[in-house]
PDB file of N, CA and C in Angstrom:
ATOM      1  N   UNK A   1      65.893  63.897   6.233  1.00  0.00           N
ATOM      2  CA  UNK A   1      66.038  63.814   4.794  1.00  0.00           C
ATOM      3  C   UNK A   1      67.071  62.763   4.403  1.00  0.00           C
ATOM      4  N   UNK A   2      68.055  62.549   5.291  1.00  0.00           N
ATOM      5  CA  UNK A   2      69.068  61.553   4.969  1.00  0.00           C
ATOM      6  C   UNK A   2      68.448  60.162   4.861  1.00  0.00           C
ATOM      7  N   UNK A   3      67.502  59.870   5.742  1.00  0.00           N
ATOM      8  CA  UNK A   3      66.917  58.537   5.729  1.00  0.00           C
ATOM      9  C   UNK A   3      66.100  58.311   4.448  1.00  0.00           C
ATOM     10  N   UNK A   4      65.385  59.334   3.981  1.00  0.00           N
ATOM     11  CA  UNK A   4      64.644  59.200   2.720  1.00  0.00           C
ATOM     12  C   UNK A   4      65.601  58.988   1.552  1.00  0.00           C
ATOM     13  N   UNK A   5      66.699  59.727   1.561  1.00  0.00           N
ATOM     14  CA  UNK A   5      67.689  59.582   0.492  1.00  0.00           C
ATOM     15  C   UNK A   5      68.320  58.205   0.533  1.00  0.00           C
ATOM     16  N   UNK A   6      68.628  57.731   1.742  1.00  0.00           N
ATOM     17  CA  UNK A   6      69.216  56.405   1.886  1.00  0.00           C
ATOM     18  C   UNK A   6      68.232  55.330   1.413  1.00  0.00           C
ATOM     19  N   UNK A   7      66.952  55.465   1.767  1.00  0.00           N
ATOM     20  CA  UNK A   7      65.944  54.509   1.334  1.00  0.00           C
ATOM     21  C   UNK A   7      65.815  54.511  -0.189  1.00  0.00           C
ATOM     22  N   UNK A   8      65.876  55.701  -0.795  1.00  0.00           N
ATOM     23  CA  UNK A   8      65.793  55.791  -2.245  1.00  0.00           C
ATOM     24  C   UNK A   8      67.003  55.136  -2.898  1.00  0.00           C
ATOM     25  N   UNK A   9      68.176  55.343  -2.316  1.00  0.00           N
ATOM     26  CA  UNK A   9      69.383  54.710  -2.867  1.00  0.00           C
ATOM     27  C   UNK A   9      69.287  53.186  -2.778  1.00  0.00           C
ATOM     28  N   UNK A  10      68.780  52.688  -1.666  1.00  0.00           N
ATOM     29  CA  UNK A  10      68.605  51.234  -1.526  1.00  0.00           C
ATOM     30  C   UNK A  10      67.629  50.707  -2.577  1.00  0.00           C
ATOM     31  N   UNK A  11      66.541  51.459  -2.797  1.00  0.00           N
ATOM     32  CA  UNK A  11      65.570  51.067  -3.818  1.00  0.00           C
ATOM     33  C   UNK A  11      66.227  51.039  -5.194  1.00  0.00           C
ATOM     34  N   UNK A  12      67.006  52.068  -5.501  1.00  0.00           N
ATOM     35  CA  UNK A  12      67.685  52.122  -6.804  1.00  0.00           C
ATOM     36  C   UNK A  12      68.652  50.956  -6.969  1.00  0.00           C
ATOM     37  N   UNK A  13      69.377  50.617  -5.932  1.00  0.00           N
ATOM     38  CA  UNK A  13      70.315  49.490  -6.007  1.00  0.00           C
ATOM     39  C   UNK A  13      69.573  48.180  -6.244  1.00  0.00           C
ATOM     40  N   UNK A  14      68.455  47.992  -5.529  1.00  0.00           N
ATOM     41  CA  UNK A  14      67.683  46.764  -5.711  1.00  0.00           C
ATOM     42  C   UNK A  14      67.072  46.713  -7.106  1.00  0.00           C
ATOM     43  N   UNK A  15      66.623  47.839  -7.617  1.00  0.00           N
ATOM     44  CA  UNK A  15      66.059  47.874  -8.967  1.00  0.00           C
ATOM     45  C   UNK A  15      67.134  47.591  -9.994  1.00  0.00           C
ATOM     46  N   UNK A  16      68.333  48.086  -9.771  1.00  0.00           N
ATOM     47  CA  UNK A  16      69.437  47.841 -10.702  1.00  0.00           C
ATOM     48  C   UNK A  16      69.804  46.357 -10.724  1.00  0.00           C
ATOM     49  N   UNK A  17      69.683  45.682  -9.587  1.00  0.00           N
ATOM     50  CA  UNK A  17      69.979  44.242  -9.536  1.00  0.00           C
ATOM     51  C   UNK A  17      68.842  43.416 -10.112  1.00  0.00           C
ATOM     52  N   UNK A  18      67.690  44.021 -10.349  1.00  0.00           N
ATOM     53  CA  UNK A  18      66.561  43.310 -10.941  1.00  0.00           C
ATOM     54  C   UNK A  18      65.696  42.572  -9.935  1.00  0.00           C
ATOM     55  N   UNK A  19      65.725  42.997  -8.671  1.00  0.00           N
ATOM     56  CA  UNK A  19      64.938  42.311  -7.662  1.00  0.00           C
ATOM     57  C   UNK A  19      63.435  42.498  -7.859  1.00  0.00           C
ATOM     58  N   UNK A  20      63.031  43.551  -8.523  1.00  0.00           N
ATOM     59  CA  UNK A  20      61.607  43.821  -8.708  1.00  0.00           C
ATOM     60  C   UNK A  20      61.092  43.291 -10.041  1.00  0.00           C
ATOM     61  N   UNK A  21      61.941  42.614 -10.801  1.00  0.00           N
ATOM     62  CA  UNK A  21      61.538  42.096 -12.101  1.00  0.00           C
ATOM     63  C   UNK A  21      60.883  40.721 -12.016  1.00  0.00           C
ATOM     64  N   UNK A  22      60.950  40.093 -10.865  1.00  0.00           N
ATOM     65  CA  UNK A  22      60.389  38.746 -10.716  1.00  0.00           C
ATOM     66  C   UNK A  22      58.871  38.788 -10.772  1.00  0.00           C
ATOM     67  N   UNK A  23      58.307  37.701 -11.278  1.00  0.00           N
ATOM     68  CA  UNK A  23      56.859  37.572 -11.285  1.00  0.00           C
ATOM     69  C   UNK A  23      56.394  37.196  -9.887  1.00  0.00           C
ATOM     70  N   UNK A  24      55.243  37.654  -9.478  1.00  0.00           N
ATOM     71  CA  UNK A  24      54.742  37.269  -8.156  1.00  0.00           C
ATOM     72  C   UNK A  24      54.409  35.787  -8.114  1.00  0.00           C
ATOM     73  N   UNK A  25      54.459  35.219  -6.937  1.00  0.00           N
ATOM     74  CA  UNK A  25      54.140  33.803  -6.767  1.00  0.00           C
ATOM     75  C   UNK A  25      52.677  33.573  -7.133  1.00  0.00           C
ATOM     76  N   UNK A  26      52.381  32.465  -7.777  1.00  0.00           N
ATOM     77  CA  UNK A  26      50.985  32.200  -8.150  1.00  0.00           C
ATOM     78  C   UNK A  26      50.136  31.962  -6.897  1.00  0.00           C
ATOM     79  N   UNK A  27      48.915  32.409  -6.953  1.00  0.00           N
ATOM     80  CA  UNK A  27      48.001  32.212  -5.842  1.00  0.00           C
ATOM     81  C   UNK A  27      47.527  30.766  -5.835  1.00  0.00           C
ATOM     82  N   UNK A  28      47.616  30.153  -4.672  1.00  0.00           N
ATOM     83  CA  UNK A  28      47.115  28.790  -4.541  1.00  0.00           C
ATOM     84  C   UNK A  28      45.762  28.851  -3.858  1.00  0.00           C
ATOM     85  N   UNK A  29      44.783  28.186  -4.408  1.00  0.00           N
ATOM     86  CA  UNK A  29      43.452  28.233  -3.784  1.00  0.00           C
ATOM     87  C   UNK A  29      43.479  27.541  -2.429  1.00  0.00           C
ATOM     88  N   UNK A  30      42.813  28.154  -1.465  1.00  0.00           N
ATOM     89  CA  UNK A  30      42.749  27.579  -0.131  1.00  0.00           C
ATOM     90  C   UNK A  30      41.596  26.595  -0.062  1.00  0.00           C
ATOM     91  N   UNK A  31      41.750  25.624   0.773  1.00  0.00           N
ATOM     92  CA  UNK A  31      40.705  24.629   0.928  1.00  0.00           C
ATOM     93  C   UNK A  31      39.528  25.230   1.678  1.00  0.00           C
ATOM     94  N   UNK A  32      38.357  24.772   1.342  1.00  0.00           N
ATOM     95  CA  UNK A  32      37.160  25.322   1.968  1.00  0.00           C
ATOM     96  C   UNK A  32      37.081  24.960   3.442  1.00  0.00           C
ATOM     97  N   UNK A  33      37.675  23.844   3.844  1.00  0.00           N
ATOM     98  CA  UNK A  33      37.639  23.464   5.254  1.00  0.00           C
ATOM     99  C   UNK A  33      38.402  24.474   6.102  1.00  0.00           C
ATOM    100  N   UNK A  34      39.575  24.907   5.621  1.00  0.00           N
ATOM    101  CA  UNK A  34      40.336  25.877   6.401  1.00  0.00           C
ATOM    102  C   UNK A  34      39.596  27.210   6.460  1.00  0.00           C
ATOM    103  N   UNK A  35      38.925  27.585   5.369  1.00  0.00           N
ATOM    104  CA  UNK A  35      38.116  28.811   5.394  1.00  0.00           C
ATOM    105  C   UNK A  35      36.986  28.688   6.409  1.00  0.00           C
ATOM    106  N   UNK A  36      36.346  27.542   6.438  1.00  0.00           N
ATOM    107  CA  UNK A  36      35.251  27.314   7.367  1.00  0.00           C
ATOM    108  C   UNK A  36      35.744  27.380   8.812  1.00  0.00           C
ATOM    109  N   UNK A  37      36.894  26.769   9.064  1.00  0.00           N
ATOM    110  CA  UNK A  37      37.438  26.779  10.425  1.00  0.00           C
ATOM    111  C   UNK A  37      37.850  28.182  10.844  1.00  0.00           C
ATOM    112  N   UNK A  38      38.382  28.968   9.918  1.00  0.00           N
ATOM    113  CA  UNK A  38      38.740  30.347  10.240  1.00  0.00           C
ATOM    114  C   UNK A  38      37.498  31.153  10.626  1.00  0.00           C
ATOM    115  N   UNK A  39      36.409  30.944   9.905  1.00  0.00           N
ATOM    116  CA  UNK A  39      35.168  31.652  10.215  1.00  0.00           C
ATOM    117  C   UNK A  39      34.665  31.238  11.590  1.00  0.00           C
ATOM    118  N   UNK A  40      34.693  29.941  11.875  1.00  0.00           N
ATOM    119  CA  UNK A  40      34.232  29.453  13.171  1.00  0.00           C
ATOM    120  C   UNK A  40      35.088  30.003  14.302  1.00  0.00           C
ATOM    121  N   UNK A  41      36.404  30.038  14.095  1.00  0.00           N
ATOM    122  CA  UNK A  41      37.304  30.581  15.120  1.00  0.00           C
ATOM    123  C   UNK A  41      37.048  32.062  15.325  1.00  0.00           C
ATOM    124  N   UNK A  42      36.840  32.784  14.251  1.00  0.00           N
ATOM    125  CA  UNK A  42      36.546  34.210  14.361  1.00  0.00           C
ATOM    126  C   UNK A  42      35.261  34.461  15.121  1.00  0.00           C
ATOM    127  N   UNK A  43      34.212  33.694  14.818  1.00  0.00           N
ATOM    128  CA  UNK A  43      32.944  33.831  15.536  1.00  0.00           C
ATOM    129  C   UNK A  43      33.105  33.497  17.011  1.00  0.00           C
ATOM    130  N   UNK A  44      33.882  32.462  17.304  1.00  0.00           N
ATOM    131  CA  UNK A  44      34.123  32.077  18.693  1.00  0.00           C
ATOM    132  C   UNK A  44      34.824  33.200  19.457  1.00  0.00           C
ATOM    133  N   UNK A  45      35.855  33.798  18.848  1.00  0.00           N
ATOM    134  CA  UNK A  45      36.591  34.873  19.522  1.00  0.00           C
ATOM    135  C   UNK A  45      35.719  36.112  19.709  1.00  0.00           C
ATOM    136  N   UNK A  46      34.891  36.414  18.729  1.00  0.00           N
ATOM    137  CA  UNK A  46      33.991  37.565  18.857  1.00  0.00           C
ATOM    138  C   UNK A  46      33.006  37.337  19.992  1.00  0.00           C
ATOM    139  N   UNK A  47      32.394  36.145  20.032  1.00  0.00           N
ATOM    140  CA  UNK A  47      31.424  35.853  21.092  1.00  0.00           C
ATOM    141  C   UNK A  47      32.077  35.850  22.466  1.00  0.00           C
ATOM    142  N   UNK A  48      33.285  35.296  22.566  1.00  0.00           N
ATOM    143  CA  UNK A  48      33.985  35.286  23.854  1.00  0.00           C
ATOM    144  C   UNK A  48      34.299  36.708  24.290  1.00  0.00           C
ATOM    145  N   UNK A  49      34.725  37.540  23.360  1.00  0.00           N
ATOM    146  CA  UNK A  49      35.013  38.928  23.693  1.00  0.00           C
ATOM    147  C   UNK A  49      33.775  39.683  24.129  1.00  0.00           C
ATOM    148  N   UNK A  50      32.643  39.443  23.471  1.00  0.00           N
ATOM    149  CA  UNK A  50      31.401  40.107  23.853  1.00  0.00           C
ATOM    150  C   UNK A  50      30.937  39.672  25.241  1.00  0.00           C
ATOM    151  N   UNK A  51      31.100  38.380  25.555  1.00  0.00           N
ATOM    152  CA  UNK A  51      30.713  37.910  26.880  1.00  0.00           C
ATOM    153  C   UNK A  51      31.591  38.564  27.953  1.00  0.00           C
ATOM    154  N   UNK A  52      32.904  38.638  27.675  1.00  0.00           N
ATOM    155  CA  UNK A  52      33.801  39.277  28.640  1.00  0.00           C
ATOM    156  C   UNK A  52      33.460  40.753  28.804  1.00  0.00           C
ATOM    157  N   UNK A  53      33.107  41.401  27.724  1.00  0.00           N
ATOM    158  CA  UNK A  53      32.757  42.820  27.793  1.00  0.00           C
ATOM    159  C   UNK A  53      31.498  43.020  28.626  1.00  0.00           C
ATOM    160  N   UNK A  54      30.508  42.159  28.421  1.00  0.00           N
ATOM    161  CA  UNK A  54      29.275  42.254  29.200  1.00  0.00           C
ATOM    162  C   UNK A  54      29.541  42.024  30.683  1.00  0.00           C
ATOM    163  N   UNK A  55      30.368  41.039  30.990  1.00  0.00           N
ATOM    164  CA  UNK A  55      30.671  40.742  32.391  1.00  0.00           C
ATOM    165  C   UNK A  55      31.456  41.884  33.028  1.00  0.00           C
ATOM    166  N   UNK A  56      32.338  42.494  32.268  1.00  0.00           N
ATOM    167  CA  UNK A  56      33.108  43.615  32.799  1.00  0.00           C
ATOM    168  C   UNK A  56      32.192  44.797  33.059  1.00  0.00           C
ATOM    169  N   UNK A  57      31.263  45.055  32.150  1.00  0.00           N
ATOM    170  CA  UNK A  57      30.336  46.170  32.311  1.00  0.00           C
ATOM    171  C   UNK A  57      29.399  45.933  33.493  1.00  0.00           C
ATOM    172  N   UNK A  58      29.118  44.679  33.779  1.00  0.00           N
ATOM    173  CA  UNK A  58      28.215  44.358  34.884  1.00  0.00           C
ATOM    174  C   UNK A  58      28.954  44.332  36.221  1.00  0.00           C
ATOM    175  N   UNK A  59      30.279  44.472  36.196  1.00  0.00           N
ATOM    176  CA  UNK A  59      31.055  44.467  37.429  1.00  0.00           C
ATOM    177  C   UNK A  59      31.364  43.081  37.941  1.00  0.00           C
ATOM    178  N   UNK A  60      31.183  42.063  37.113  1.00  0.00           N
ATOM    179  CA  UNK A  60      31.469  40.694  37.539  1.00  0.00           C
ATOM    180  C   UNK A  60      32.948  40.393  37.341  1.00  0.00           C
ATOM    181  N   UNK A  61      33.364  39.302  37.898  1.00  0.00           N
ATOM    182  CA  UNK A  61      34.763  38.897  37.838  1.00  0.00           C
ATOM    183  C   UNK A  61      35.178  38.561  36.404  1.00  0.00           C
ATOM    184  N   UNK A  62      36.439  38.794  36.108  1.00  0.00           N
ATOM    185  CA  UNK A  62      36.966  38.471  34.783  1.00  0.00           C
ATOM    186  C   UNK A  62      37.458  37.020  34.710  1.00  0.00           C
ATOM    187  N   UNK A  63      37.364  36.278  35.813  1.00  0.00           N
ATOM    188  CA  UNK A  63      37.805  34.890  35.816  1.00  0.00           C
ATOM    189  C   UNK A  63      36.753  34.052  35.100  1.00  0.00           C
ATOM    190  N   UNK A  64      36.854  34.003  33.811  1.00  0.00           N
ATOM    191  CA  UNK A  64      35.871  33.324  32.978  1.00  0.00           C
ATOM    192  C   UNK A  64      36.604  32.490  31.952  1.00  0.00           C
ATOM    193  N   UNK A  65      36.186  31.277  31.753  1.00  0.00           N
ATOM    194  CA  UNK A  65      36.814  30.394  30.796  1.00  0.00           C
ATOM    195  C   UNK A  65      36.019  30.410  29.495  1.00  0.00           C
ATOM    196  N   UNK A  66      36.656  30.836  28.394  1.00  0.00           N
ATOM    197  CA  UNK A  66      35.920  30.846  27.113  1.00  0.00           C
ATOM    198  C   UNK A  66      35.596  29.455  26.610  1.00  0.00           C
ATOM    199  N   UNK A  67      36.316  28.445  27.082  1.00  0.00           N
ATOM    200  CA  UNK A  67      36.047  27.079  26.605  1.00  0.00           C
ATOM    201  C   UNK A  67      34.795  26.506  27.238  1.00  0.00           C
ATOM    202  N   UNK A  68      34.594  26.775  28.525  1.00  0.00           N
ATOM    203  CA  UNK A  68      33.436  26.195  29.199  1.00  0.00           C
ATOM    204  C   UNK A  68      32.293  27.182  29.334  1.00  0.00           C
ATOM    205  N   UNK A  69      32.588  28.474  29.281  1.00  0.00           N
ATOM    206  CA  UNK A  69      31.555  29.474  29.431  1.00  0.00           C
ATOM    207  C   UNK A  69      31.180  29.715  30.874  1.00  0.00           C
ATOM    208  N   UNK A  70      31.997  29.206  31.788  1.00  0.00           N
ATOM    209  CA  UNK A  70      31.676  29.401  33.208  1.00  0.00           C
ATOM    210  C   UNK A  70      32.906  29.922  33.948  1.00  0.00           C
ATOM    211  N   UNK A  71      32.676  30.358  35.151  1.00  0.00           N
ATOM    212  CA  UNK A  71      33.798  30.817  35.974  1.00  0.00           C
ATOM    213  C   UNK A  71      34.620  29.619  36.395  1.00  0.00           C
ATOM    214  N   UNK A  72      35.900  29.875  36.576  1.00  0.00           N
ATOM    215  CA  UNK A  72      36.792  28.778  36.981  1.00  0.00           C
ATOM    216  C   UNK A  72      36.891  28.706  38.478  1.00  0.00           C
TER     217      UNK A  72
END
């Protein structure tokens, strides 16, 4: 209970100083290229993970390079 009380006191002190009165930073639109690259990276990581999972389930070696798609 002491920690909850201490956290509440810290919140009250910050509110008294006006730390929560600031406006949030404006959202800046992200470039479509970075969004596209994030999607491509996500797809790459998902596919690499699925290949590793399949190889593990098949009892094959985990020595696999996601860049080349072959064993090293």
